[in-house]
Amino acid sequence: MNELMTSSDIAIHVTAAVAAGGAFTLGVIASALFLRAEARGTVHGLRPGRLDPLARRLHTFAFPVWTSP
């Protein structure tokens, strides 16, 4: 097996992938809630104006972590 795959770097890459995947998932949920809240005016007390920036921040964090070498 390749030396890179057996090194401790694999743990860093797996952790980064899991963190980015989780952030993407939360961002998709926030985006879906935003669209639903925008159509109805509110969802579970959350205003649409708070959900859209949250989704953007989550995706802004997750994309570079997911695509880093």
N, C-alpha and C. Protein backbone atom coordinates (compact mmCIF):
# COMPACT_ATOMS: atom_id res chain seq x y z
N MET A 1 0.84 -1.18 0.00
CA MET A 1 0.00 0.00 0.00
C MET A 1 0.89 1.25 0.00
N ASN A 2 0.39 2.30 -0.57
CA ASN A 2 1.11 3.55 -0.68
C ASN A 2 1.43 4.11 0.70
N GLU A 3 2.63 4.71 0.84
CA GLU A 3 3.03 5.28 2.13
C GLU A 3 2.08 6.38 2.59
N LEU A 4 1.54 7.14 1.66
CA LEU A 4 0.62 8.22 2.03
C LEU A 4 -0.66 7.68 2.66
N MET A 5 -1.09 6.54 2.20
CA MET A 5 -2.33 5.97 2.72
C MET A 5 -2.15 5.37 4.11
N THR A 6 -0.94 5.03 4.48
CA THR A 6 -0.70 4.44 5.79
C THR A 6 -0.24 5.47 6.81
N SER A 7 0.01 6.69 6.37
CA SER A 7 0.50 7.70 7.30
C SER A 7 -0.64 8.28 8.13
N SER A 8 -0.30 9.11 9.07
CA SER A 8 -1.32 9.74 9.93
C SER A 8 -2.10 10.81 9.17
N ASP A 9 -1.64 11.18 7.99
CA ASP A 9 -2.36 12.18 7.20
C ASP A 9 -3.75 11.70 6.80
N ILE A 10 -3.93 10.41 6.71
CA ILE A 10 -5.24 9.89 6.31
C ILE A 10 -6.29 10.28 7.33
N ALA A 11 -5.94 10.30 8.61
CA ALA A 11 -6.89 10.70 9.65
C ALA A 11 -7.30 12.16 9.47
N ILE A 12 -6.37 13.00 9.09
CA ILE A 12 -6.68 14.40 8.86
C ILE A 12 -7.63 14.55 7.68
N HIS A 13 -7.39 13.83 6.60
CA HIS A 13 -8.22 13.92 5.42
C HIS A 13 -9.62 13.36 5.67
N VAL A 14 -9.71 12.28 6.40
CA VAL A 14 -11.02 11.70 6.71
C VAL A 14 -11.80 12.64 7.62
N THR A 15 -11.14 13.22 8.61
CA THR A 15 -11.80 14.18 9.50
C THR A 15 -12.30 15.39 8.73
N ALA A 16 -11.48 15.90 7.82
CA ALA A 16 -11.89 17.05 7.00
C ALA A 16 -13.07 16.69 6.10
N ALA A 17 -13.05 15.49 5.53
CA ALA A 17 -14.16 15.07 4.66
C ALA A 17 -15.45 14.92 5.45
N VAL A 18 -15.37 14.37 6.64
CA VAL A 18 -16.57 14.21 7.47
C VAL A 18 -17.11 15.57 7.89
N ALA A 19 -16.21 16.48 8.30
CA ALA A 19 -16.64 17.82 8.70
C ALA A 19 -17.29 18.56 7.53
N ALA A 20 -16.68 18.48 6.36
CA ALA A 20 -17.24 19.15 5.19
C ALA A 20 -18.57 18.52 4.78
N GLY A 21 -18.65 17.22 4.83
CA GLY A 21 -19.91 16.55 4.50
C GLY A 21 -21.03 16.94 5.45
N GLY A 22 -20.71 17.04 6.72
CA GLY A 22 -21.70 17.48 7.70
C GLY A 22 -22.13 18.92 7.47
N ALA A 23 -21.17 19.78 7.16
CA ALA A 23 -21.50 21.19 6.89
C ALA A 23 -22.35 21.32 5.63
N PHE A 24 -22.03 20.54 4.60
CA PHE A 24 -22.86 20.55 3.38
C PHE A 24 -24.28 20.10 3.70
N THR A 25 -24.41 19.06 4.50
CA THR A 25 -25.73 18.54 4.86
C THR A 25 -26.54 19.59 5.62
N LEU A 26 -25.91 20.21 6.61
CA LEU A 26 -26.61 21.26 7.37
C LEU A 26 -26.96 22.46 6.48
N GLY A 27 -26.08 22.77 5.52
CA GLY A 27 -26.36 23.85 4.59
C GLY A 27 -27.55 23.55 3.69
N VAL A 28 -27.66 22.31 3.25
CA VAL A 28 -28.81 21.92 2.42
C VAL A 28 -30.09 21.99 3.24
N ILE A 29 -30.03 21.54 4.48
CA ILE A 29 -31.22 21.62 5.35
C ILE A 29 -31.62 23.07 5.57
N ALA A 30 -30.64 23.94 5.83
CA ALA A 30 -30.94 25.36 6.02
C ALA A 30 -31.50 25.98 4.75
N SER A 31 -30.98 25.57 3.59
CA SER A 31 -31.51 26.10 2.33
C SER A 31 -32.95 25.64 2.09
N ALA A 32 -33.22 24.38 2.39
CA ALA A 32 -34.59 23.87 2.22
C ALA A 32 -35.55 24.57 3.17
N LEU A 33 -35.13 24.77 4.41
CA LEU A 33 -35.97 25.50 5.36
C LEU A 33 -36.17 26.95 4.93
N PHE A 34 -35.13 27.54 4.34
CA PHE A 34 -35.25 28.90 3.84
C PHE A 34 -36.32 28.98 2.76
N LEU A 35 -36.28 28.06 1.81
CA LEU A 35 -37.27 28.07 0.73
C LEU A 35 -38.67 27.85 1.27
N ARG A 36 -38.79 26.96 2.23
CA ARG A 36 -40.10 26.70 2.83
C ARG A 36 -40.59 27.91 3.63
N ALA A 37 -39.68 28.52 4.38
CA ALA A 37 -40.05 29.69 5.19
C ALA A 37 -40.40 30.88 4.29
N GLU A 38 -39.70 31.01 3.18
CA GLU A 38 -39.98 32.11 2.27
C GLU A 38 -41.38 31.95 1.66
N ALA A 39 -41.77 30.73 1.39
CA ALA A 39 -43.09 30.48 0.82
C ALA A 39 -44.20 30.68 1.85
N ARG A 40 -43.93 30.32 3.10
CA ARG A 40 -44.95 30.40 4.15
C ARG A 40 -44.82 31.61 5.06
N GLY A 41 -43.67 32.26 5.06
CA GLY A 41 -43.46 33.41 5.93
C GLY A 41 -42.62 33.09 7.15
N THR A 42 -42.72 31.87 7.67
CA THR A 42 -41.92 31.45 8.81
C THR A 42 -41.97 29.93 8.94
N VAL A 43 -40.95 29.36 9.51
CA VAL A 43 -40.90 27.92 9.79
C VAL A 43 -40.33 27.75 11.19
N HIS A 44 -41.12 27.20 12.09
CA HIS A 44 -40.70 26.93 13.46
C HIS A 44 -40.10 28.18 14.12
N GLY A 45 -40.66 29.33 13.82
CA GLY A 45 -40.20 30.57 14.43
C GLY A 45 -38.96 31.17 13.80
N LEU A 46 -38.40 30.55 12.77
CA LEU A 46 -37.22 31.10 12.11
C LEU A 46 -37.64 31.95 10.92
N ARG A 47 -37.12 33.14 10.87
CA ARG A 47 -37.41 34.01 9.73
C ARG A 47 -36.50 33.64 8.55
N PRO A 48 -37.00 33.79 7.33
CA PRO A 48 -36.19 33.44 6.16
C PRO A 48 -34.88 34.23 6.10
N GLY A 49 -34.88 35.44 6.60
CA GLY A 49 -33.68 36.27 6.55
C GLY A 49 -32.52 35.73 7.36
N ARG A 50 -32.77 34.84 8.30
CA ARG A 50 -31.70 34.26 9.10
C ARG A 50 -31.20 32.94 8.52
N LEU A 51 -32.04 32.25 7.79
CA LEU A 51 -31.67 30.94 7.25
C LEU A 51 -30.75 31.04 6.04
N ASP A 52 -31.00 32.01 5.18
CA ASP A 52 -30.19 32.13 3.96
C ASP A 52 -28.73 32.44 4.28
N PRO A 53 -28.42 33.41 5.17
CA PRO A 53 -27.00 33.63 5.50
C PRO A 53 -26.36 32.43 6.20
N LEU A 54 -27.13 31.70 7.00
CA LEU A 54 -26.60 30.51 7.65
C LEU A 54 -26.19 29.47 6.61
N ALA A 55 -27.06 29.22 5.65
CA ALA A 55 -26.74 28.25 4.59
C ALA A 55 -25.52 28.70 3.80
N ARG A 56 -25.43 29.98 3.50
CA ARG A 56 -24.27 30.49 2.75
C ARG A 56 -22.98 30.31 3.54
N ARG A 57 -23.02 30.60 4.83
CA ARG A 57 -21.82 30.44 5.66
C ARG A 57 -21.38 28.98 5.75
N LEU A 58 -22.34 28.09 5.89
CA LEU A 58 -22.00 26.67 5.96
C LEU A 58 -21.37 26.18 4.67
N HIS A 59 -21.93 26.59 3.53
CA HIS A 59 -21.36 26.17 2.25
C HIS A 59 -20.01 26.85 2.00
N THR A 60 -19.86 28.08 2.46
CA THR A 60 -18.58 28.78 2.30
C THR A 60 -17.49 28.09 3.11
N PHE A 61 -17.84 27.54 4.26
CA PHE A 61 -16.87 26.78 5.05
C PHE A 61 -16.58 25.43 4.41
N ALA A 62 -17.63 24.72 3.99
CA ALA A 62 -17.49 23.34 3.57
C ALA A 62 -16.76 23.19 2.23
N PHE A 63 -16.98 24.09 1.29
CA PHE A 63 -16.41 23.90 -0.04
C PHE A 63 -14.88 23.86 -0.03
N PRO A 64 -14.19 24.83 0.59
CA PRO A 64 -12.73 24.74 0.57
C PRO A 64 -12.18 23.54 1.37
N VAL A 65 -12.88 23.16 2.44
CA VAL A 65 -12.43 22.01 3.21
C VAL A 65 -12.58 20.74 2.38
N TRP A 66 -13.67 20.63 1.64
CA TRP A 66 -13.92 19.45 0.82
C TRP A 66 -12.93 19.35 -0.35
N THR A 67 -12.56 20.48 -0.92
CA THR A 67 -11.72 20.48 -2.11
C THR A 67 -10.23 20.65 -1.82
N SER A 68 -9.84 20.75 -0.55
CA SER A 68 -8.42 20.93 -0.25
C SER A 68 -7.67 19.65 -0.55
N PRO A 69 -6.43 19.80 -0.99
CA PRO A 69 -5.65 18.60 -1.37
C PRO A 69 -5.22 17.78 -0.19
